[in-house]
Amino acid sequence: MTSAPGDVRDLLRRDHAAVLADIDALPEAGDAAETLARLQLVRRRWMIHALAEETVVYNALEGLQGVSSTRAAERFVEHEVVESLFDKLASGRPATIEWRARLNVLRNLVARHIEGEHEDVLARLATRFDSARLADLGLRFELAREKLNLLEEAKAA
């Protein structure tokens, strides 16, 4: 459990930077088995982040009057597309041209998704919620990630 809640925007930025760094490090992972093992860790972190983000952040913004749900729906679809690319990478052979191409597409899609969130979601959070509400959303986001992580650990055991 975390001690003090942080601004949800800071937590999202940190998660986003970490997933991009993790993806960028995959080609240097070593042999195929190590690369695929690290890919599974990156995928797990991404999935936990995405589900917590959808549950806490997207739902908070969708609950506001006058906020379009079209862009939120696009973000849900982007999460699904990223997950399907993880599936393809997990079943492929690292270091092949096709595998590296899929990894590049994954990285570009995630980067574009993050850029869009920083321009849209983080900006809307800043204009729609005060610092106390942003901290509350941060706490809820952290708790959602912790619960999802525990579920993933239980599935793996």
Protein backbone atom coordinates (compact mmCIF):
# COMPACT_ATOMS: atom_id res chain seq x y z
CA MET A 1 0.00 0.00 0.00
CA THR A 2 1.26 3.47 -0.81
CA SER A 3 1.74 6.08 1.89
CA ALA A 4 0.59 9.37 0.37
CA PRO A 5 -1.35 9.73 -2.85
CA GLY A 6 0.30 11.48 -5.75
CA ASP A 7 -1.25 13.50 -8.52
CA VAL A 8 -2.63 10.97 -10.99
CA ARG A 9 -1.03 12.90 -13.88
CA ASP A 10 2.44 12.33 -12.41
CA LEU A 11 1.72 8.63 -11.95
CA LEU A 12 0.54 8.33 -15.54
CA ARG A 13 3.63 10.15 -16.84
CA ARG A 14 5.91 7.84 -14.86
CA ASP A 15 4.13 4.72 -16.11
CA HIS A 16 4.29 6.00 -19.67
CA ALA A 17 8.02 6.74 -19.49
CA ALA A 18 8.69 3.33 -17.92
CA VAL A 19 6.81 1.36 -20.58
CA LEU A 20 8.60 3.18 -23.40
CA ALA A 21 11.97 2.51 -21.73
CA ASP A 22 11.02 -1.16 -21.27
CA ILE A 23 10.05 -1.51 -24.94
CA ASP A 24 13.24 0.25 -26.05
CA ALA A 25 15.32 -2.17 -23.97
CA LEU A 26 13.79 -5.33 -25.48
CA PRO A 27 16.16 -5.65 -28.47
CA GLU A 28 19.13 -5.71 -26.08
CA ALA A 29 17.61 -8.38 -23.83
CA GLY A 30 19.96 -11.15 -24.96
CA ASP A 31 18.88 -14.53 -26.24
CA ALA A 32 15.37 -15.34 -27.47
CA ALA A 33 14.22 -16.89 -24.19
CA GLU A 34 15.35 -13.87 -22.18
CA THR A 35 13.78 -11.48 -24.69
CA LEU A 36 10.43 -13.29 -24.52
CA ALA A 37 10.56 -13.38 -20.71
CA ARG A 38 11.19 -9.63 -20.60
CA LEU A 39 8.45 -9.11 -23.18
CA GLN A 40 6.02 -10.85 -20.82
CA LEU A 41 7.03 -8.47 -18.00
CA VAL A 42 6.56 -5.42 -20.24
CA ARG A 43 3.21 -6.75 -21.40
CA ARG A 44 2.09 -7.35 -17.83
CA ARG A 45 3.09 -3.83 -16.75
CA TRP A 46 1.32 -2.36 -19.78
CA MET A 47 -1.84 -4.36 -19.16
CA ILE A 48 -1.96 -3.42 -15.49
CA HIS A 49 -1.40 0.24 -16.36
CA ALA A 50 -4.01 0.21 -19.14
CA LEU A 51 -6.70 -1.48 -17.04
CA ALA A 52 -6.11 0.82 -14.06
CA GLU A 53 -6.14 3.83 -16.39
CA GLU A 54 -9.39 2.73 -18.03
CA THR A 55 -11.05 1.97 -14.70
CA VAL A 56 -10.01 5.10 -12.83
CA VAL A 57 -9.03 7.87 -15.23
CA TYR A 58 -11.22 7.27 -18.27
CA ASN A 59 -14.25 6.58 -16.10
CA ALA A 60 -13.68 9.79 -14.11
CA LEU A 61 -13.49 11.85 -17.28
CA GLU A 62 -16.45 10.13 -18.93
CA GLY A 63 -18.55 10.91 -15.87
CA LEU A 64 -18.22 14.64 -16.50
CA GLN A 65 -20.96 16.43 -18.34
CA GLY A 66 -19.89 17.73 -21.72
CA VAL A 67 -16.94 15.37 -22.16
CA SER A 68 -16.97 13.42 -25.41
CA SER A 69 -16.67 9.68 -25.04
CA THR A 70 -15.47 9.26 -28.64
CA ARG A 71 -11.81 9.90 -27.77
CA ALA A 72 -12.05 7.63 -24.73
CA ALA A 73 -13.45 4.88 -26.96
CA GLU A 74 -10.48 5.34 -29.29
CA ARG A 75 -8.11 4.95 -26.34
CA PHE A 76 -9.82 1.69 -25.35
CA VAL A 77 -9.32 0.44 -28.93
CA GLU A 78 -5.67 1.54 -28.88
CA HIS A 79 -5.18 -0.51 -25.71
CA GLU A 80 -6.70 -3.53 -27.51
CA VAL A 81 -4.45 -3.06 -30.57
CA VAL A 82 -1.36 -2.86 -28.35
CA GLU A 83 -2.43 -6.07 -26.62
CA SER A 84 -2.81 -7.85 -29.98
CA LEU A 85 0.71 -6.75 -30.96
CA PHE A 86 2.00 -8.18 -27.69
CA ASP A 87 0.28 -11.47 -28.67
CA LYS A 88 2.04 -11.51 -32.04
CA LEU A 89 5.41 -10.69 -30.47
CA ALA A 90 5.00 -13.39 -27.83
CA SER A 91 4.35 -16.03 -30.49
CA GLY A 92 7.13 -14.83 -32.78
CA ARG A 93 10.87 -15.33 -32.90
CA PRO A 94 12.87 -12.43 -31.48
CA ALA A 95 15.58 -10.89 -33.63
CA THR A 96 13.86 -11.75 -36.91
CA ILE A 97 13.05 -8.89 -39.25
CA GLU A 98 9.31 -9.45 -38.80
CA TRP A 99 9.59 -9.53 -34.99
CA ARG A 100 11.62 -6.31 -34.91
CA ALA A 101 9.14 -4.67 -37.30
CA ARG A 102 6.26 -5.59 -34.98
CA LEU A 103 8.25 -4.27 -32.02
CA ASN A 104 8.80 -0.96 -33.84
CA VAL A 105 5.09 -0.72 -34.65
CA LEU A 106 4.26 -1.48 -31.02
CA ARG A 107 6.66 1.19 -29.79
CA ASN A 108 5.33 3.78 -32.25
CA LEU A 109 1.71 3.02 -31.37
CA VAL A 110 2.40 3.21 -27.63
CA ALA A 111 4.33 6.48 -28.09
CA ARG A 112 1.50 7.98 -30.16
CA HIS A 113 -1.07 6.79 -27.63
CA ILE A 114 0.94 8.35 -24.80
CA GLU A 115 1.39 11.62 -26.68
CA GLY A 116 -2.35 11.79 -27.26
CA GLU A 117 -3.05 11.15 -23.60
CA HIS A 118 -0.61 13.84 -22.52
CA GLU A 119 -2.22 16.35 -24.88
CA ASP A 120 -5.81 15.38 -24.16
CA VAL A 121 -6.36 13.34 -20.99
CA LEU A 122 -3.78 15.02 -18.76
CA ALA A 123 -4.91 18.45 -19.96
CA ARG A 124 -8.56 17.63 -19.24
CA LEU A 125 -7.65 16.28 -15.82
CA ALA A 126 -5.87 19.57 -15.05
CA THR A 127 -8.83 21.72 -16.09
CA ARG A 128 -11.62 19.58 -14.68
CA PHE A 129 -10.30 18.52 -11.26
CA ASP A 130 -8.72 20.32 -8.32
CA SER A 131 -5.55 19.11 -6.59
CA ALA A 132 -7.46 17.12 -3.97
CA ARG A 133 -9.43 15.24 -6.62
CA LEU A 134 -6.24 14.63 -8.65
CA ALA A 135 -4.62 13.16 -5.53
CA ASP A 136 -7.72 11.02 -4.90
CA LEU A 137 -7.58 9.75 -8.48
CA GLY A 138 -3.86 9.06 -7.96
CA LEU A 139 -4.61 6.96 -4.90
CA ARG A 140 -7.39 5.10 -6.71
CA PHE A 141 -5.07 4.51 -9.68
CA GLU A 142 -2.32 3.13 -7.41
CA LEU A 143 -4.80 0.88 -5.60
CA ALA A 144 -6.17 -0.41 -8.90
CA ARG A 145 -2.64 -1.22 -10.11
CA GLU A 146 -1.86 -3.02 -6.84
CA LYS A 147 -5.03 -5.14 -7.05
CA LEU A 148 -4.37 -6.01 -10.69
CA ASN A 149 -0.78 -6.92 -9.87
CA LEU A 150 -1.96 -9.23 -7.08
CA LEU A 151 -4.42 -10.91 -9.47
CA GLU A 152 -1.65 -11.45 -12.01
CA GLU A 153 0.63 -12.92 -9.34
CA ALA A 154 -2.14 -15.25 -8.22
CA LYS A 155 -2.72 -16.41 -11.81
CA ALA A 156 1.00 -17.07 -12.25
CA ALA A 157 1.27 -19.13 -9.05
